Protein backbone atom coordinates (compact mmCIF):
# COMPACT_ATOMS: atom_id res chain seq x y z
CA MET A 1 15.61 97.67 87.73
CA HIS A 2 19.35 98.06 87.47
CA SER A 3 21.93 96.83 89.98
CA LYS A 4 19.22 95.53 92.31
CA MET A 5 18.61 92.74 89.76
CA ALA A 6 22.28 92.12 89.01
CA PHE A 7 22.28 88.89 90.97
CA LEU A 8 20.32 87.36 88.08
CA CYS A 9 23.49 87.64 85.99
CA LEU A 10 26.14 86.00 88.11
CA ALA A 11 28.71 83.28 88.25
CA ALA A 12 28.71 81.84 91.74
CA LEU A 13 29.60 78.82 93.84
CA ALA A 14 26.90 77.32 96.02
CA SER A 15 27.52 75.05 98.99
CA LEU A 16 25.20 72.06 99.41
CA LEU A 17 24.89 72.27 103.17
CA ALA A 18 22.12 69.86 104.10
CA ALA A 19 19.05 67.95 103.01
CA CYS A 20 16.68 69.73 105.29
CA GLY A 21 13.39 67.89 105.18
CA GLY A 22 11.52 71.18 105.27
CA GLY A 23 12.24 74.66 106.46
CA GLY A 24 10.22 77.69 107.42
CA GLY A 25 7.08 78.95 105.80
CA ALA A 26 3.96 79.04 107.90
CA GLY A 27 1.31 76.38 107.65
CA GLY A 28 -1.93 77.68 106.23
CA GLY A 29 -5.36 77.80 107.75
CA SER A 30 -7.93 75.55 106.09
CA GLY A 31 -11.06 77.31 107.38
CA GLY A 32 -13.53 76.36 110.10
CA GLY A 33 -11.03 76.92 112.90
CA THR A 34 -8.51 74.41 111.57
CA ALA A 35 -4.99 74.84 110.25
CA THR A 36 -2.14 72.78 108.81
CA GLY A 37 1.06 72.15 110.73
CA TYR A 38 4.17 70.06 110.09
CA PHE A 39 5.92 67.66 112.46
CA LYS A 40 9.65 67.88 111.88
CA ASP A 41 12.40 65.48 112.88
CA SER A 42 13.20 65.63 109.23
CA ASN A 43 9.78 64.93 107.67
CA VAL A 44 7.95 62.36 109.85
CA SER A 45 5.15 60.48 108.07
CA GLY A 46 2.82 57.91 109.60
CA LEU A 47 2.89 59.51 113.07
CA GLY A 48 -0.49 59.44 114.79
CA TYR A 49 -2.00 62.72 115.96
CA ARG A 50 -5.20 64.08 117.50
CA SER A 51 -6.39 67.65 117.97
CA GLY A 52 -9.91 67.94 119.35
CA GLY A 53 -12.16 66.28 116.79
CA LEU A 54 -9.36 66.04 114.21
CA GLY A 55 -6.99 63.12 113.91
CA GLY A 56 -5.11 60.73 111.65
CA VAL A 57 -1.48 60.18 110.70
CA THR A 58 1.01 62.72 109.39
CA GLY A 59 1.50 62.92 105.63
CA GLU A 60 4.66 62.34 103.62
CA ASP A 61 5.72 65.91 104.35
CA GLY A 62 4.96 65.60 108.08
CA SER A 63 1.69 67.53 107.72
CA PHE A 64 -1.21 67.32 110.15
CA GLN A 65 -4.45 69.21 110.83
CA TYR A 66 -5.12 70.93 114.14
CA GLU A 67 -7.83 73.02 115.74
CA THR A 68 -6.58 76.59 115.98
CA GLY A 69 -5.93 77.55 119.58
CA GLY A 70 -6.10 73.90 120.67
CA THR A 71 -3.51 71.27 121.48
CA VAL A 72 -2.16 68.42 119.38
CA ARG A 73 -1.14 65.01 120.76
CA PHE A 74 1.33 62.80 118.87
CA PHE A 75 1.64 59.03 119.28
CA VAL A 76 2.59 55.70 117.71
CA GLY A 77 0.11 53.07 118.86
CA ASN A 78 0.16 53.09 122.66
CA VAL A 79 3.35 55.16 122.80
CA VAL A 80 2.50 58.82 123.39
CA LEU A 81 5.27 61.29 122.57
CA GLY A 82 3.45 64.25 124.09
CA GLU A 83 1.23 67.18 123.24
CA THR A 84 1.57 70.90 122.68
CA VAL A 85 -0.39 73.88 121.40
CA GLY A 86 -0.90 73.58 117.64
CA LYS A 87 1.33 75.70 115.41
CA SER A 88 2.88 75.67 111.95
CA VAL A 89 5.99 73.65 112.84
CA ILE A 90 6.37 71.24 115.76
CA THR A 91 9.47 69.27 116.78
CA PRO A 92 10.10 66.79 119.62
CA ILE A 93 11.43 69.71 121.68
CA ASP A 94 7.94 71.26 121.69
CA LEU A 95 6.57 68.11 123.36
CA VAL A 96 8.85 68.51 126.40
CA ARG A 97 8.23 70.97 129.23
CA ASP A 98 10.94 73.65 128.95
CA GLY A 99 12.40 71.56 126.14
CA SER A 100 15.72 72.36 124.49
CA LEU A 101 18.28 70.72 122.21
CA GLY A 102 20.02 69.41 125.33
CA SER A 103 16.88 67.80 126.75
CA SER A 104 17.40 64.05 127.25
CA GLU A 105 13.65 63.50 126.94
CA ALA A 106 13.51 65.15 123.51
CA ARG A 107 16.65 63.29 122.41
CA ARG A 108 15.09 59.95 123.40
CA MET A 109 11.99 60.77 121.35
CA VAL A 110 14.28 61.34 118.38
CA GLN A 111 16.05 58.03 119.06
CA PHE A 112 12.65 56.34 119.12
CA LEU A 113 11.45 57.94 115.87
CA MET A 114 14.71 57.32 114.00
CA THR A 115 14.61 53.67 115.08
CA LEU A 116 11.10 53.32 113.62
CA ASP A 117 12.17 54.67 110.22
CA ARG A 118 11.24 52.21 107.49
CA ASP A 119 14.53 52.36 105.57
CA GLY A 120 16.83 53.46 108.39
CA ASP A 121 17.83 56.65 106.56
CA PRO A 122 16.29 59.70 108.29
CA ASP A 123 17.90 62.08 105.80
CA ASN A 124 15.18 61.18 103.29
CA GLY A 125 12.48 61.49 105.95
CA ILE A 126 11.24 59.21 108.71
CA GLN A 127 8.50 56.87 107.50
CA ILE A 128 6.51 54.79 110.00
CA SER A 129 4.95 51.91 108.06
CA PRO A 130 1.27 50.87 108.42
CA ARG A 131 2.32 47.41 109.61
CA LEU A 132 4.49 48.94 112.32
CA ARG A 133 1.69 51.27 113.43
CA GLU A 134 -0.59 48.25 113.74
CA MET A 135 2.00 46.38 115.83
CA ALA A 136 2.46 49.49 118.02
CA GLY A 137 -1.09 49.02 119.26
CA ASN A 138 0.28 46.17 121.39
CA TRP A 139 3.23 48.10 122.83
CA GLN A 140 3.44 49.32 126.39
CA PRO A 141 3.73 53.10 126.89
CA VAL A 142 7.31 54.40 126.83
CA ASP A 143 8.65 56.70 129.57
CA PHE A 144 11.06 59.01 127.74
CA THR A 145 12.28 60.41 131.08
CA ALA A 146 13.40 57.01 132.43
CA ALA A 147 17.10 56.44 133.02
CA ASP A 148 16.66 52.83 131.81
CA PHE A 149 14.94 53.96 128.59
CA GLU A 150 17.26 51.86 126.42
CA SER A 151 16.48 48.59 128.21
CA ARG A 152 12.75 49.37 128.11
CA MET A 153 12.98 49.64 124.33
CA ALA A 154 14.09 45.99 123.94
CA PRO A 155 10.61 44.50 123.27
CA ILE A 156 9.86 47.25 120.75
CA LEU A 157 13.15 46.65 118.93
CA SER A 158 12.26 42.98 118.63
CA ASP A 159 8.89 43.85 117.10
CA ILE A 160 10.43 46.33 114.65
CA SER A 161 12.94 43.70 113.50
CA SER A 162 10.11 41.23 112.96
CA VAL A 163 7.86 43.62 111.05
CA GLU A 164 10.56 45.21 108.90
CA GLY A 165 12.44 41.96 108.25
CA ARG A 166 15.83 43.30 109.32
CA SER A 167 17.92 43.52 112.44
CA VAL A 168 17.17 46.78 114.24
CA SER A 169 19.03 48.40 117.12
CA LEU A 170 18.22 51.59 119.00
CA THR A 171 19.59 54.69 117.27
CA ASP A 172 22.70 56.01 119.03
CA ALA A 173 22.04 58.92 121.40
CA ASN A 174 24.71 61.17 119.86
CA ARG A 175 23.47 60.47 116.34
CA ALA A 176 19.96 61.44 117.47
CA TYR A 177 21.29 64.66 119.02
CA LEU A 178 23.11 65.63 115.81
CA HIS A 179 20.04 64.80 113.74
CA LEU A 180 17.82 67.00 115.92
CA ARG A 181 20.33 69.84 115.74
CA SER A 182 20.39 69.57 111.94
CA THR A 183 16.58 69.57 111.86
CA LEU A 184 16.44 72.80 113.90
CA HIS A 185 19.05 74.49 111.73
CA CYS A 186 17.09 73.56 108.62
CA ILE A 187 13.75 74.78 109.98
CA TYR A 188 15.15 78.27 110.54
CA SER A 189 17.42 78.48 107.47
CA GLY A 190 16.58 81.03 104.81
CA ALA A 191 16.45 84.78 104.16
CA TYR A 192 14.81 87.40 106.40
CA LYS A 193 14.07 91.08 105.76
CA GLY A 194 13.07 93.86 108.12
CA GLY A 195 14.13 97.07 109.76
CA PHE A 196 15.88 98.49 112.80
CA GLY A 197 15.00 101.52 114.89
CA GLY A 198 16.05 103.52 117.93
CA ARG A 199 18.55 106.37 117.80
CA ALA A 200 19.03 105.45 114.14
CA SER A 201 16.69 103.58 111.80
CA GLY A 202 17.12 101.72 108.56
CA VAL A 203 16.69 98.42 106.73
CA PHE A 204 18.04 95.05 107.74
CA GLY A 205 18.49 91.72 105.94
CA MET A 206 19.76 88.41 107.28
CA MET A 207 20.54 84.92 105.97
CA VAL A 208 20.61 81.75 108.06
CA SER A 209 22.44 78.78 106.57
CA ALA A 210 21.61 75.13 107.24
CA ASP A 211 24.81 74.72 109.26
CA GLY A 212 23.82 77.46 111.73
CA GLY A 213 25.83 80.31 110.25
CA VAL A 214 24.25 83.78 110.16
CA SER A 215 25.14 86.82 108.05
CA GLY A 216 23.42 90.12 107.44
CA ILE A 217 23.50 93.71 106.27
CA ALA A 218 22.12 96.74 108.12
CA PHE A 219 22.23 100.24 106.67
CA SER A 220 20.70 103.69 106.79
CA ASP A 221 21.90 107.23 106.13
CA SER A 222 24.09 107.01 109.24
CA VAL A 223 24.78 103.28 109.76
CA TYR A 224 26.31 100.58 107.58
CA ALA A 225 27.34 97.18 108.90
CA GLU A 226 28.18 93.80 107.39
CA LEU A 227 27.36 91.24 110.06
CA ASN A 228 28.44 87.65 110.68
CA GLY A 229 27.68 85.20 113.49
CA SER A 230 25.80 82.03 114.37
CA VAL A 231 22.65 80.64 115.94
CA ASN A 232 22.59 79.37 119.53
CA LEU A 233 20.52 76.24 120.18
CA GLY A 234 21.54 75.75 123.81
CA GLY A 235 18.44 77.06 125.57
CA THR A 236 14.68 76.81 125.25
CA ARG A 237 14.63 79.45 122.50
CA MET A 238 16.37 79.71 119.14
CA LEU A 239 18.80 82.63 119.56
CA PHE A 240 21.32 84.25 117.24
CA GLY A 241 24.02 86.87 117.39
CA MET A 242 26.18 88.57 114.77
CA GLU A 243 28.52 91.52 114.62
CA ASP A 244 30.65 93.75 112.44
CA SER A 245 33.95 94.07 114.30
CA ALA A 246 35.07 96.99 112.12
CA THR A 247 32.26 99.23 113.37
CA GLY A 248 31.50 97.58 116.70
CA THR A 249 27.96 96.92 115.51
CA ALA A 250 26.16 93.91 117.01
CA PHE A 251 22.71 92.42 116.45
CA ALA A 252 21.33 89.83 118.90
CA GLY A 253 17.87 88.32 118.87
CA LEU A 254 15.60 85.31 118.78
CA PHE A 255 13.21 83.53 116.45
CA SER A 256 9.71 84.08 117.80
CA THR A 257 8.56 81.68 115.04
CA PRO A 258 10.42 80.01 112.14
CA ASP A 259 9.28 83.00 110.05
CA ARG A 260 9.95 85.98 112.34
CA ILE A 261 12.88 87.37 114.32
CA THR A 262 13.15 90.15 116.89
CA GLY A 263 16.00 91.59 118.93
CA ASN A 264 18.22 94.51 119.89
CA TRP A 265 21.24 96.13 118.30
CA GLN A 266 23.97 98.61 119.17
CA SER A 267 26.94 100.23 117.47
CA SER A 268 29.91 101.67 119.33
CA ALA A 269 31.29 103.37 116.21
CA TYR A 270 28.05 105.26 115.57
CA SER A 271 27.05 105.58 119.27
CA VAL A 272 23.52 104.37 118.55
CA SER A 273 21.32 101.45 119.58
CA GLY A 274 17.76 100.17 119.33
CA SER A 275 15.63 97.19 118.35
CA PHE A 276 14.91 95.31 115.12
CA THR A 277 12.38 92.93 113.56
CA ALA A 278 12.43 90.88 110.37
CA SER A 279 10.31 88.26 108.60
CA ARG A 280 11.07 85.44 106.19
CA VAL A 281 11.47 86.09 102.48
CA GLY A 282 9.88 83.25 100.48
CA GLY A 283 10.18 79.64 101.57
CA ALA A 284 7.73 76.87 100.71
CA LEU A 285 7.26 73.81 102.89
CA ASP A 286 7.03 71.53 99.84
CA ALA A 287 10.37 72.66 98.37
CA ALA A 288 12.82 70.01 97.20
CA TYR A 289 15.75 72.48 97.26
CA ARG A 290 16.13 76.06 98.38
CA PHE A 291 18.60 78.69 97.22
CA THR A 292 19.25 81.61 99.53
CA GLY A 293 21.72 84.37 98.78
CA SER A 294 22.66 88.01 98.96
CA TYR A 295 23.97 90.41 96.36
CA SER A 296 25.83 93.72 96.44
CA GLY A 297 26.96 96.46 94.12
CA ASP A 298 25.21 99.80 93.88
CA ASP A 299 22.46 98.12 95.90
CA HIS A 300 22.26 95.37 98.52
CA GLY A 301 19.64 92.69 98.82
CA LEU A 302 18.56 89.11 99.37
CA PHE A 303 16.99 86.46 97.22
CA ALA A 304 15.42 83.09 97.87
CA PHE A 305 13.90 80.64 95.45
CA ASP A 306 12.64 77.10 95.84
CA ILE A 307 12.57 74.16 93.46
CA ASP A 308 9.79 71.62 93.96
CA ASP A 309 9.73 67.95 92.92
CA THR A 310 8.50 68.86 89.43
CA GLY A 311 11.33 71.35 88.85
CA ARG A 312 9.09 74.39 89.23
CA ILE A 313 10.94 77.44 90.57
CA THR A 314 9.31 80.15 92.66
CA GLY A 315 10.91 82.81 94.80
CA ILE A 316 11.48 86.40 95.78
CA ALA A 317 14.25 88.96 95.32
CA TYR A 318 14.33 91.75 97.90
CA SER A 319 16.18 95.06 97.58
CA LEU A 320 17.25 96.57 100.90
CA GLY A 321 17.95 99.84 99.12
CA THR A 322 14.42 100.33 97.82
CA ASP A 323 12.53 98.02 100.23
CA GLU A 324 10.89 96.32 97.24
CA GLU A 325 10.22 92.66 96.44
CA TYR A 326 10.36 91.10 92.98
CA PRO A 327 8.75 87.68 92.44
CA LEU A 328 10.82 85.07 90.60
CA THR A 329 9.45 82.16 88.55
CA GLY A 330 11.09 79.53 86.42
CA GLN A 331 11.79 75.89 85.69
CA LEU A 332 14.59 73.39 86.25
CA SER A 333 14.93 70.88 83.40
CA GLY A 334 17.66 68.34 84.03
CA THR A 335 20.52 70.54 85.18
CA THR A 336 19.38 73.65 83.27
CA LEU A 337 17.74 76.44 85.25
CA SER A 338 15.69 79.26 83.72
CA VAL A 339 14.42 82.13 85.89
CA THR A 340 12.36 85.24 85.11
CA ALA A 341 11.94 88.21 87.46
CA SER A 342 8.70 90.22 87.67
CA ASN A 343 10.27 93.05 85.66
CA GLY A 344 11.00 90.69 82.75
CA THR A 345 14.68 90.12 83.51
CA LYS A 346 15.67 86.57 82.54
CA ALA A 347 18.57 84.30 83.41
CA THR A 348 19.63 80.78 82.53
CA GLY A 349 22.21 78.60 84.22
CA SER A 350 23.16 75.12 85.34
CA ILE A 351 23.02 73.30 88.67
CA ASP A 352 25.20 70.43 89.79
CA MET A 353 23.33 69.00 92.79
CA ALA A 354 26.03 66.43 93.54
CA ARG A 355 28.73 69.10 93.89
CA GLY A 356 26.40 71.80 95.13
CA THR A 357 27.34 74.36 92.47
CA LEU A 358 25.21 76.97 90.78
CA GLY A 359 26.48 78.69 87.64
CA VAL A 360 24.47 81.39 85.85
CA ALA A 361 25.46 82.91 82.52
CA GLY A 362 26.73 86.47 82.54
CA ALA A 363 28.58 88.60 85.05
CA GLY A 364 27.51 90.43 88.14
CA MET A 365 28.22 90.90 91.81
CA VAL A 366 27.12 88.53 94.52
CA ARG A 367 28.25 88.27 98.12
CA ARG A 368 27.05 84.76 98.90
CA VAL A 369 24.91 81.99 97.51
CA ILE A 370 23.82 79.09 99.69
CA LEU A 371 22.09 75.97 98.44
CA THR A 372 20.19 74.24 101.22
CA GLY A 373 18.01 71.20 100.77
CA ALA A 374 14.45 71.57 101.99
CA GLY A 375 11.37 69.44 101.92
CA VAL A 376 13.06 66.23 100.70
CA GLY A 377 11.63 62.97 101.97
């Protein structure tokens, strides 16, 4: 390994973009026709669910069990949020027919859940307390499509105030909208690798930041493009677009899941076009923080590594030039980070979480490093 591992010897600035409460990374099957999914409006714990013969409340990380191929219903006492086909990540939008970020029904569900949060701070996760779940057994069902939704919430607000011992008001609609938008950005943030084909073919890498920014590199013997753009949350699907204005190259696509993207591309400078696919590089649902970045020099590539609550570091470096992956392992002790690549390359550095900076001893070339919170709460 030569330049492809140069990112391990870098001095870089990282931006602390968000505390994401979990990102991509598919839930795993647990055998017997069951699988694990995660309910995300940040991490929502204490939310009731039922899928066939399975049921309970979501864990601290928002996890739940579902029957593969079956539906999952979510509820708090007598208040049913809705149901949808089980999958690795579910948000309030999935519980609404033709749901989108702009759906008032989904936004009201978010208002409801944020209002139930035990400490009133959804950035560290939404926790629905056992006492509140017990009280919710006496609540009347809530119609999240009703124009007078806010007035219908009055009795529930009174109960929450009584149970939690503090004055509680309904979460503001705009705050709920911004929170849901942040949740969606975080779910899809990370690094993706793949390829493009058509009248020209090659390799393709893309990073999605927790603020909705998108950047990527596409190259082959005949095409090279450095791409920048953003995600589009306006419709019922998570879309993105990015372009290289210097070459007239544009990539546009959608996330078929939080771990896979597909789309089409074209380049006016090279007079070629075609389609592309890519899948997530790394990404653990129990991560406390996630670093995602790209590097350049003689080679181009992506890297992503996660830090869990114990300081354990795991990740992947991916070379677009050789189409190879290199596992990364390490440990964070205090502010000191130590990482080892699968070829034996080692690096040490320091992290300032408050400022969102990452400094690693040595010198090298890096195009971007992004620090995004994931899995907190």
